[in-house]
Amino acid sequence: MTAIPRDATFDCTLALLRDGYRFISRRCERNGTDAFRTRMMLRPAVCVTGESAAEMFYAPDRFTRKMAMPPTTLLSLQDLGSVQQLDGDAHRHRKQM
């Protein structure tokens, strides 16, 4: 496995805000890769693009939804116990309903 290259920019927060949706694809094109390491708000981040990246995020049970949204956002958009908070079989069952 090859190492994930690091973007030359010290912190990409402003570039992300400026470029929006195209930020990752533009940086990947510039770096000649489908993944790169960077910093966002001074914290380490890895950005990925492409089909294999999408598959990584859609793999069942790879990520958890627990605490994915701040409570204030959750309560204003949904409610406690909504499908967006459930994981695994409970999420799949509720989503099928």
Foldseek 3Di string as FASTA:
>chain_A
DDDAAAQPDAECQVVCVVVPPCSQVVSCVVVVHQKYWYHYVNHIDIHGDDDVVVCCVPPAPNDALAVVDDPVVCPVPHHPPDLSRDGDPVNVVNVVD
